[in-house]
Amino acid sequence: MALRVALRTALWLLLGGWVGSWGLFGLVVAPTAFQALPSTEIAGTLVGPILTSLHLYGVVAGIGLGALAALLDRGTLRIALPLVLAAACAYSQFGVSAEIAEIRDGAFGPAGSVGGASRWNALHRLSIGIYLAVAAGALALVGLHAASDTPPEGGRDPS
């Protein structure tokens, strides 16, 4: 029983950290940076490294949550979904964000082009879409794991 409690505690800490950090970033940090700082370039310079940390945490959290769900015998969906979300975080970081950084100067620098700016905008929209999908998936995991931790009507705690 103590092991199951420790596994459930680790699961909720990972999941809470993921949902909380992504919510704080998306609802507070990014909008505030783009409102308060004097240019979008400076705001992007602040937001970029934070997003990198969030993506890397998402990879670690997703793998950890999948492993914990397997150890707790929570079922295929609770194992697979965080692994898919981890893969989305990795793709966003090492694919989309990497290409955004690579083409930024070509899109907005002195030699910027309409085509470069268009590609940057498309990648930025994709990045936002992935971010929102991962956030929705992490929130879905909260509900799925809460259901797993809820005792049946009139029953005992599942641990």
N, C-alpha and C. Protein backbone atom coordinates (compact mmCIF):
# COMPACT_ATOMS: atom_id res chain seq x y z
N MET A 1 0.83 -1.19 0.00
CA MET A 1 0.00 0.00 0.00
C MET A 1 0.87 1.26 0.00
N ALA A 2 1.96 1.27 0.76
CA ALA A 2 2.83 2.46 0.81
C ALA A 2 3.43 2.74 -0.56
N LEU A 3 3.76 1.69 -1.31
CA LEU A 3 4.32 1.89 -2.64
C LEU A 3 3.29 2.52 -3.56
N ARG A 4 2.04 2.05 -3.52
CA ARG A 4 0.98 2.63 -4.35
C ARG A 4 0.75 4.10 -4.00
N VAL A 5 0.80 4.42 -2.73
CA VAL A 5 0.63 5.82 -2.31
C VAL A 5 1.78 6.66 -2.85
N ALA A 6 3.00 6.14 -2.78
CA ALA A 6 4.16 6.87 -3.29
C ALA A 6 4.05 7.06 -4.81
N LEU A 7 3.62 6.02 -5.53
CA LEU A 7 3.45 6.12 -6.98
C LEU A 7 2.36 7.13 -7.35
N ARG A 8 1.24 7.09 -6.63
CA ARG A 8 0.16 8.05 -6.88
C ARG A 8 0.61 9.47 -6.56
N THR A 9 1.37 9.63 -5.49
CA THR A 9 1.88 10.95 -5.13
C THR A 9 2.78 11.49 -6.23
N ALA A 10 3.70 10.66 -6.72
CA ALA A 10 4.59 11.07 -7.81
C ALA A 10 3.78 11.43 -9.06
N LEU A 11 2.78 10.63 -9.37
CA LEU A 11 1.94 10.89 -10.53
C LEU A 11 1.27 12.25 -10.42
N TRP A 12 0.66 12.54 -9.28
CA TRP A 12 -0.05 13.81 -9.11
C TRP A 12 0.91 15.00 -9.08
N LEU A 13 2.09 14.81 -8.53
CA LEU A 13 3.07 15.90 -8.54
C LEU A 13 3.53 16.22 -9.97
N LEU A 14 3.85 15.18 -10.74
CA LEU A 14 4.24 15.39 -12.14
C LEU A 14 3.12 16.05 -12.94
N LEU A 15 1.92 15.52 -12.78
CA LEU A 15 0.79 16.02 -13.55
C LEU A 15 0.42 17.45 -13.12
N GLY A 16 0.41 17.70 -11.83
CA GLY A 16 0.11 19.05 -11.34
C GLY A 16 1.15 20.06 -11.78
N GLY A 17 2.42 19.66 -11.74
CA GLY A 17 3.48 20.54 -12.21
C GLY A 17 3.34 20.86 -13.68
N TRP A 18 2.95 19.86 -14.46
CA TRP A 18 2.79 20.05 -15.90
C TRP A 18 1.63 21.01 -16.19
N VAL A 19 0.47 20.70 -15.65
CA VAL A 19 -0.71 21.53 -15.90
C VAL A 19 -0.50 22.95 -15.35
N GLY A 20 0.04 23.05 -14.15
CA GLY A 20 0.24 24.35 -13.53
C GLY A 20 1.24 25.22 -14.28
N SER A 21 2.36 24.63 -14.67
CA SER A 21 3.38 25.43 -15.36
C SER A 21 2.90 25.86 -16.74
N TRP A 22 2.20 24.97 -17.45
CA TRP A 22 1.70 25.34 -18.77
C TRP A 22 0.60 26.39 -18.65
N GLY A 23 -0.25 26.27 -17.64
CA GLY A 23 -1.29 27.27 -17.43
C GLY A 23 -0.70 28.63 -17.08
N LEU A 24 0.25 28.65 -16.17
CA LEU A 24 0.88 29.91 -15.79
C LEU A 24 1.56 30.57 -16.99
N PHE A 25 2.27 29.79 -17.78
CA PHE A 25 2.94 30.35 -18.95
C PHE A 25 1.93 30.91 -19.96
N GLY A 26 0.95 30.08 -20.32
CA GLY A 26 0.01 30.46 -21.37
C GLY A 26 -0.95 31.57 -20.98
N LEU A 27 -1.32 31.60 -19.70
CA LEU A 27 -2.31 32.58 -19.25
C LEU A 27 -1.71 33.84 -18.64
N VAL A 28 -0.45 33.75 -18.16
CA VAL A 28 0.14 34.90 -17.46
C VAL A 28 1.45 35.35 -18.10
N VAL A 29 2.44 34.48 -18.15
CA VAL A 29 3.79 34.88 -18.55
C VAL A 29 3.84 35.40 -19.99
N ALA A 30 3.40 34.60 -20.95
CA ALA A 30 3.50 35.01 -22.36
C ALA A 30 2.68 36.27 -22.65
N PRO A 31 1.40 36.30 -22.25
CA PRO A 31 0.65 37.53 -22.53
C PRO A 31 1.24 38.77 -21.86
N THR A 32 1.72 38.62 -20.64
CA THR A 32 2.31 39.76 -19.93
C THR A 32 3.59 40.23 -20.62
N ALA A 33 4.42 39.28 -21.05
CA ALA A 33 5.66 39.65 -21.73
C ALA A 33 5.37 40.45 -22.99
N PHE A 34 4.38 40.01 -23.77
CA PHE A 34 4.10 40.71 -25.03
C PHE A 34 3.35 42.03 -24.81
N GLN A 35 2.73 42.21 -23.65
CA GLN A 35 2.08 43.49 -23.34
C GLN A 35 3.04 44.47 -22.69
N ALA A 36 3.88 43.99 -21.78
CA ALA A 36 4.68 44.88 -20.94
C ALA A 36 6.03 45.25 -21.54
N LEU A 37 6.60 44.38 -22.33
CA LEU A 37 7.94 44.66 -22.86
C LEU A 37 7.85 45.55 -24.10
N PRO A 38 8.89 46.33 -24.37
CA PRO A 38 8.80 47.35 -25.41
C PRO A 38 8.75 46.83 -26.85
N SER A 39 9.10 45.57 -27.08
CA SER A 39 9.02 45.06 -28.45
C SER A 39 8.73 43.57 -28.42
N THR A 40 8.16 43.08 -29.52
CA THR A 40 7.89 41.64 -29.61
C THR A 40 9.19 40.85 -29.66
N GLU A 41 10.25 41.46 -30.18
CA GLU A 41 11.55 40.78 -30.22
C GLU A 41 12.07 40.52 -28.80
N ILE A 42 11.97 41.52 -27.94
CA ILE A 42 12.42 41.35 -26.54
C ILE A 42 11.52 40.34 -25.83
N ALA A 43 10.21 40.44 -26.05
CA ALA A 43 9.28 39.49 -25.43
C ALA A 43 9.59 38.06 -25.89
N GLY A 44 9.85 37.90 -27.18
CA GLY A 44 10.20 36.58 -27.70
C GLY A 44 11.50 36.04 -27.12
N THR A 45 12.45 36.95 -26.87
CA THR A 45 13.71 36.56 -26.26
C THR A 45 13.49 36.05 -24.83
N LEU A 46 12.52 36.61 -24.14
CA LEU A 46 12.18 36.15 -22.79
C LEU A 46 11.40 34.84 -22.84
N VAL A 47 10.40 34.80 -23.69
CA VAL A 47 9.47 33.67 -23.73
C VAL A 47 10.12 32.40 -24.30
N GLY A 48 11.02 32.54 -25.26
CA GLY A 48 11.63 31.38 -25.91
C GLY A 48 12.29 30.40 -24.95
N PRO A 49 13.19 30.85 -24.07
CA PRO A 49 13.83 29.91 -23.15
C PRO A 49 12.85 29.28 -22.15
N ILE A 50 11.82 30.02 -21.78
CA ILE A 50 10.81 29.46 -20.87
C ILE A 50 10.06 28.34 -21.58
N LEU A 51 9.71 28.58 -22.83
CA LEU A 51 9.02 27.56 -23.61
C LEU A 51 9.89 26.32 -23.80
N THR A 52 11.19 26.53 -23.99
CA THR A 52 12.10 25.39 -24.07
C THR A 52 12.04 24.55 -22.80
N SER A 53 12.08 25.20 -21.64
CA SER A 53 11.99 24.48 -20.37
C SER A 53 10.67 23.73 -20.25
N LEU A 54 9.59 24.36 -20.68
CA LEU A 54 8.28 23.70 -20.61
C LEU A 54 8.21 22.49 -21.54
N HIS A 55 8.77 22.63 -22.73
CA HIS A 55 8.78 21.48 -23.64
C HIS A 55 9.59 20.32 -23.05
N LEU A 56 10.76 20.62 -22.52
CA LEU A 56 11.59 19.55 -21.95
C LEU A 56 10.92 18.92 -20.73
N TYR A 57 10.28 19.75 -19.89
CA TYR A 57 9.53 19.20 -18.76
C TYR A 57 8.39 18.32 -19.27
N GLY A 58 7.74 18.74 -20.35
CA GLY A 58 6.66 17.94 -20.93
C GLY A 58 7.14 16.58 -21.39
N VAL A 59 8.33 16.52 -21.97
CA VAL A 59 8.89 15.23 -22.39
C VAL A 59 9.11 14.34 -21.17
N VAL A 60 9.77 14.89 -20.15
CA VAL A 60 10.06 14.11 -18.94
C VAL A 60 8.77 13.73 -18.22
N ALA A 61 7.86 14.68 -18.06
CA ALA A 61 6.61 14.40 -17.36
C ALA A 61 5.78 13.37 -18.10
N GLY A 62 5.71 13.49 -19.41
CA GLY A 62 4.92 12.54 -20.19
C GLY A 62 5.44 11.11 -20.07
N ILE A 63 6.75 10.98 -20.17
CA ILE A 63 7.35 9.64 -20.03
C ILE A 63 7.13 9.13 -18.60
N GLY A 64 7.36 10.00 -17.63
CA GLY A 64 7.17 9.61 -16.23
C GLY A 64 5.73 9.22 -15.94
N LEU A 65 4.78 10.01 -16.45
CA LEU A 65 3.36 9.70 -16.21
C LEU A 65 2.95 8.40 -16.89
N GLY A 66 3.48 8.15 -18.08
CA GLY A 66 3.18 6.87 -18.73
C GLY A 66 3.71 5.70 -17.93
N ALA A 67 4.93 5.85 -17.41
CA ALA A 67 5.52 4.77 -16.60
C ALA A 67 4.74 4.58 -15.30
N LEU A 68 4.38 5.68 -14.66
CA LEU A 68 3.62 5.57 -13.40
C LEU A 68 2.25 4.95 -13.64
N ALA A 69 1.59 5.33 -14.73
CA ALA A 69 0.29 4.73 -15.05
C ALA A 69 0.43 3.23 -15.29
N ALA A 70 1.52 2.82 -15.92
CA ALA A 70 1.75 1.39 -16.14
C ALA A 70 1.98 0.68 -14.81
N LEU A 71 2.80 1.28 -13.95
CA LEU A 71 3.07 0.66 -12.65
C LEU A 71 1.81 0.57 -11.78
N LEU A 72 0.91 1.54 -11.96
CA LEU A 72 -0.34 1.54 -11.19
C LEU A 72 -1.45 0.77 -11.91
N ASP A 73 -1.12 0.19 -13.06
CA ASP A 73 -2.08 -0.59 -13.85
C ASP A 73 -3.33 0.23 -14.16
N ARG A 74 -3.09 1.45 -14.72
CA ARG A 74 -4.19 2.38 -14.97
C ARG A 74 -4.82 2.21 -16.35
N GLY A 75 -4.30 1.33 -17.18
CA GLY A 75 -4.92 1.09 -18.48
C GLY A 75 -4.20 1.78 -19.62
N THR A 76 -4.51 1.32 -20.81
CA THR A 76 -3.81 1.73 -22.02
C THR A 76 -3.89 3.23 -22.28
N LEU A 77 -5.07 3.83 -22.16
CA LEU A 77 -5.22 5.25 -22.47
C LEU A 77 -4.37 6.11 -21.53
N ARG A 78 -4.35 5.77 -20.25
CA ARG A 78 -3.59 6.56 -19.27
C ARG A 78 -2.08 6.35 -19.42
N ILE A 79 -1.70 5.28 -20.08
CA ILE A 79 -0.28 5.04 -20.38
C ILE A 79 0.09 5.72 -21.70
N ALA A 80 -0.74 5.54 -22.72
CA ALA A 80 -0.40 6.03 -24.07
C ALA A 80 -0.52 7.54 -24.20
N LEU A 81 -1.57 8.14 -23.62
CA LEU A 81 -1.79 9.58 -23.82
C LEU A 81 -0.61 10.42 -23.36
N PRO A 82 -0.05 10.21 -22.18
CA PRO A 82 1.10 11.05 -21.81
C PRO A 82 2.32 10.82 -22.69
N LEU A 83 2.47 9.61 -23.23
CA LEU A 83 3.58 9.36 -24.14
C LEU A 83 3.39 10.11 -25.46
N VAL A 84 2.16 10.17 -25.94
CA VAL A 84 1.86 10.95 -27.15
C VAL A 84 2.12 12.44 -26.88
N LEU A 85 1.70 12.91 -25.71
CA LEU A 85 1.92 14.32 -25.36
C LEU A 85 3.42 14.62 -25.24
N ALA A 86 4.18 13.69 -24.69
CA ALA A 86 5.64 13.86 -24.60
C ALA A 86 6.24 13.96 -26.00
N ALA A 87 5.77 13.12 -26.91
CA ALA A 87 6.27 13.16 -28.29
C ALA A 87 5.91 14.50 -28.94
N ALA A 88 4.72 15.01 -28.66
CA ALA A 88 4.31 16.31 -29.21
C ALA A 88 5.22 17.42 -28.67
N CYS A 89 5.56 17.36 -27.38
CA CYS A 89 6.49 18.34 -26.80
C CYS A 89 7.86 18.26 -27.46
N ALA A 90 8.34 17.05 -27.67
CA ALA A 90 9.65 16.86 -28.32
C ALA A 90 9.62 17.40 -29.75
N TYR A 91 8.56 17.10 -30.49
CA TYR A 91 8.44 17.59 -31.85
C TYR A 91 8.38 19.12 -31.87
N SER A 92 7.60 19.69 -30.96
CA SER A 92 7.49 21.14 -30.91
C SER A 92 8.84 21.79 -30.62
N GLN A 93 9.59 21.20 -29.69
CA GLN A 93 10.88 21.77 -29.31
C GLN A 93 11.94 21.57 -30.39
N PHE A 94 12.12 20.32 -30.81
CA PHE A 94 13.24 19.99 -31.69
C PHE A 94 12.92 20.11 -33.17
N GLY A 95 11.63 20.23 -33.49
CA GLY A 95 11.23 20.42 -34.88
C GLY A 95 10.77 21.85 -35.11
N VAL A 96 9.61 22.18 -34.57
CA VAL A 96 8.98 23.47 -34.85
C VAL A 96 9.78 24.63 -34.27
N SER A 97 10.08 24.61 -32.98
CA SER A 97 10.80 25.73 -32.36
C SER A 97 12.21 25.88 -32.94
N ALA A 98 12.83 24.77 -33.26
CA ALA A 98 14.18 24.83 -33.85
C ALA A 98 14.12 25.52 -35.22
N GLU A 99 13.11 25.20 -36.02
CA GLU A 99 12.99 25.84 -37.33
C GLU A 99 12.62 27.32 -37.18
N ILE A 100 11.76 27.63 -36.21
CA ILE A 100 11.41 29.04 -35.97
C ILE A 100 12.68 29.84 -35.66
N ALA A 101 13.51 29.32 -34.78
CA ALA A 101 14.75 30.01 -34.42
C ALA A 101 15.67 30.15 -35.62
N GLU A 102 15.71 29.11 -36.45
CA GLU A 102 16.60 29.11 -37.61
C GLU A 102 16.20 30.15 -38.65
N ILE A 103 14.90 30.36 -38.84
CA ILE A 103 14.46 31.27 -39.90
C ILE A 103 14.11 32.67 -39.40
N ARG A 104 14.19 32.89 -38.09
CA ARG A 104 13.78 34.19 -37.52
C ARG A 104 14.46 35.37 -38.22
N ASP A 105 15.78 35.34 -38.33
CA ASP A 105 16.48 36.47 -38.96
C ASP A 105 16.12 36.61 -40.43
N GLY A 106 15.95 35.48 -41.10
CA GLY A 106 15.57 35.53 -42.50
C GLY A 106 14.15 36.02 -42.71
N ALA A 107 13.35 35.93 -41.68
CA ALA A 107 11.97 36.39 -41.79
C ALA A 107 11.83 37.85 -41.39
N PHE A 108 12.57 38.27 -40.37
CA PHE A 108 12.35 39.60 -39.81
C PHE A 108 13.58 40.49 -39.78
N GLY A 109 14.73 39.96 -40.12
CA GLY A 109 15.97 40.74 -40.11
C GLY A 109 16.01 41.71 -41.28
N PRO A 110 17.14 42.38 -41.45
CA PRO A 110 17.29 43.36 -42.54
C PRO A 110 17.07 42.74 -43.92
N ALA A 111 17.40 41.47 -44.07
CA ALA A 111 17.23 40.81 -45.36
C ALA A 111 15.96 39.96 -45.38
N GLY A 112 15.02 40.28 -44.49
CA GLY A 112 13.79 39.50 -44.36
C GLY A 112 12.97 39.50 -45.64
N SER A 113 12.20 38.44 -45.80
CA SER A 113 11.37 38.31 -47.00
C SER A 113 9.93 37.99 -46.60
N VAL A 114 9.02 38.24 -47.51
CA VAL A 114 7.62 37.92 -47.28
C VAL A 114 7.46 36.41 -47.10
N GLY A 115 8.18 35.63 -47.92
CA GLY A 115 8.11 34.17 -47.80
C GLY A 115 8.63 33.68 -46.47
N GLY A 116 9.71 34.28 -45.99
CA GLY A 116 10.26 33.90 -44.69
C GLY A 116 9.31 34.25 -43.56
N ALA A 117 8.71 35.43 -43.63
CA ALA A 117 7.75 35.84 -42.61
C ALA A 117 6.51 34.94 -42.63
N SER A 118 6.08 34.56 -43.82
CA SER A 118 4.93 33.68 -43.97
C SER A 118 5.21 32.31 -43.35
N ARG A 119 6.40 31.77 -43.62
CA ARG A 119 6.78 30.47 -43.04
C ARG A 119 6.87 30.57 -41.52
N TRP A 120 7.46 31.65 -41.01
CA TRP A 120 7.57 31.86 -39.57
C TRP A 120 6.18 31.90 -38.94
N ASN A 121 5.25 32.64 -39.56
CA ASN A 121 3.88 32.73 -39.03
C ASN A 121 3.20 31.37 -39.02
N ALA A 122 3.39 30.58 -40.07
CA ALA A 122 2.78 29.24 -40.12
C ALA A 122 3.35 28.35 -39.01
N LEU A 123 4.66 28.42 -38.80
CA LEU A 123 5.29 27.62 -37.74
C LEU A 123 4.83 28.10 -36.37
N HIS A 124 4.68 29.39 -36.20
CA HIS A 124 4.23 29.93 -34.91
C HIS A 124 2.80 29.46 -34.61
N ARG A 125 1.94 29.48 -35.61
CA ARG A 125 0.57 28.97 -35.42
C ARG A 125 0.60 27.47 -35.07
N LEU A 126 1.46 26.71 -35.74
CA LEU A 126 1.60 25.28 -35.43
C LEU A 126 2.07 25.09 -33.99
N SER A 127 3.04 25.89 -33.57
CA SER A 127 3.55 25.81 -32.21
C SER A 127 2.45 26.08 -31.19
N ILE A 128 1.65 27.10 -31.44
CA ILE A 128 0.53 27.42 -30.54
C ILE A 128 -0.47 26.27 -30.53
N GLY A 129 -0.76 25.71 -31.69
CA GLY A 129 -1.70 24.59 -31.77
C GLY A 129 -1.22 23.38 -30.98
N ILE A 130 0.05 23.06 -31.10
CA ILE A 130 0.62 21.94 -30.34
C ILE A 130 0.55 22.24 -28.85
N TYR A 131 0.91 23.47 -28.47
CA TYR A 131 0.87 23.87 -27.06
C TYR A 131 -0.54 23.68 -26.50
N LEU A 132 -1.55 24.15 -27.21
CA LEU A 132 -2.93 24.03 -26.74
C LEU A 132 -3.38 22.57 -26.70
N ALA A 133 -2.97 21.77 -27.68
CA ALA A 133 -3.34 20.35 -27.70
C ALA A 133 -2.71 19.61 -26.52
N VAL A 134 -1.44 19.92 -26.23
CA VAL A 134 -0.78 19.29 -25.08
C VAL A 134 -1.45 19.72 -23.77
N ALA A 135 -1.78 21.00 -23.67
CA ALA A 135 -2.46 21.47 -22.46
C ALA A 135 -3.80 20.76 -22.28
N ALA A 136 -4.57 20.63 -23.37
CA ALA A 136 -5.85 19.93 -23.30
C ALA A 136 -5.66 18.46 -22.93
N GLY A 137 -4.63 17.84 -23.50
CA GLY A 137 -4.35 16.45 -23.17
C GLY A 137 -3.95 16.26 -21.72
N ALA A 138 -3.15 17.19 -21.20
CA ALA A 138 -2.75 17.11 -19.79
C ALA A 138 -3.97 17.30 -18.88
N LEU A 139 -4.87 18.21 -19.25
CA LEU A 139 -6.10 18.37 -18.47
C LEU A 139 -6.97 17.12 -18.54
N ALA A 140 -7.01 16.49 -19.70
CA ALA A 140 -7.75 15.24 -19.83
C ALA A 140 -7.15 14.17 -18.91
N LEU A 141 -5.82 14.15 -18.81
CA LEU A 141 -5.17 13.20 -17.89
C LEU A 141 -5.58 13.45 -16.45
N VAL A 142 -5.76 14.70 -16.07
CA VAL A 142 -6.22 15.01 -14.71
C VAL A 142 -7.56 14.31 -14.47
N GLY A 143 -8.48 14.47 -15.40
CA GLY A 143 -9.79 13.83 -15.24
C GLY A 143 -9.70 12.31 -15.25
N LEU A 144 -8.89 11.76 -16.13
CA LEU A 144 -8.75 10.30 -16.20
C LEU A 144 -8.17 9.73 -14.91
N HIS A 145 -7.14 10.39 -14.39
CA HIS A 145 -6.53 9.89 -13.16
C HIS A 145 -7.40 10.16 -11.94
N ALA A 146 -8.14 11.25 -11.95
CA ALA A 146 -9.09 11.50 -10.86
C ALA A 146 -10.15 10.41 -10.84
N ALA A 147 -10.61 10.00 -12.02
CA ALA A 147 -11.59 8.91 -12.09
C ALA A 147 -10.99 7.61 -11.55
N SER A 148 -9.72 7.37 -11.85
CA SER A 148 -9.06 6.16 -11.34
C SER A 148 -8.90 6.19 -9.83
N ASP A 149 -8.74 7.39 -9.27
CA ASP A 149 -8.54 7.52 -7.82
C ASP A 149 -9.84 7.69 -7.03
N THR A 150 -10.96 7.74 -7.74
CA THR A 150 -12.24 7.92 -7.06
C THR A 150 -12.81 6.54 -6.71
N PRO A 151 -13.08 6.34 -5.41
CA PRO A 151 -13.65 5.04 -5.03
C PRO A 151 -15.07 4.89 -5.58
N PRO A 152 -15.45 3.66 -5.85
CA PRO A 152 -16.83 3.45 -6.31
C PRO A 152 -17.81 3.89 -5.23
N GLU A 153 -19.02 4.22 -5.66
CA GLU A 153 -20.06 4.66 -4.73
C GLU A 153 -20.20 3.65 -3.58
N GLY A 154 -20.02 4.15 -2.37
CA GLY A 154 -20.13 3.29 -1.20
C GLY A 154 -18.95 2.36 -0.98
N GLY A 155 -17.90 2.51 -1.82
CA GLY A 155 -16.75 1.62 -1.72
C GLY A 155 -15.58 2.25 -0.98
N ARG A 156 -14.49 1.52 -0.97
CA ARG A 156 -13.28 1.99 -0.32
C ARG A 156 -12.38 2.69 -1.32
N ASP A 157 -11.42 3.44 -0.80
CA ASP A 157 -10.39 4.10 -1.60
C ASP A 157 -9.68 3.04 -2.44
N PRO A 158 -9.43 3.31 -3.75
CA PRO A 158 -8.82 2.31 -4.62
C PRO A 158 -7.38 1.94 -4.31
N SER A 159 -6.72 2.69 -3.46
CA SER A 159 -5.33 2.36 -3.17
C SER A 159 -5.28 1.18 -2.25
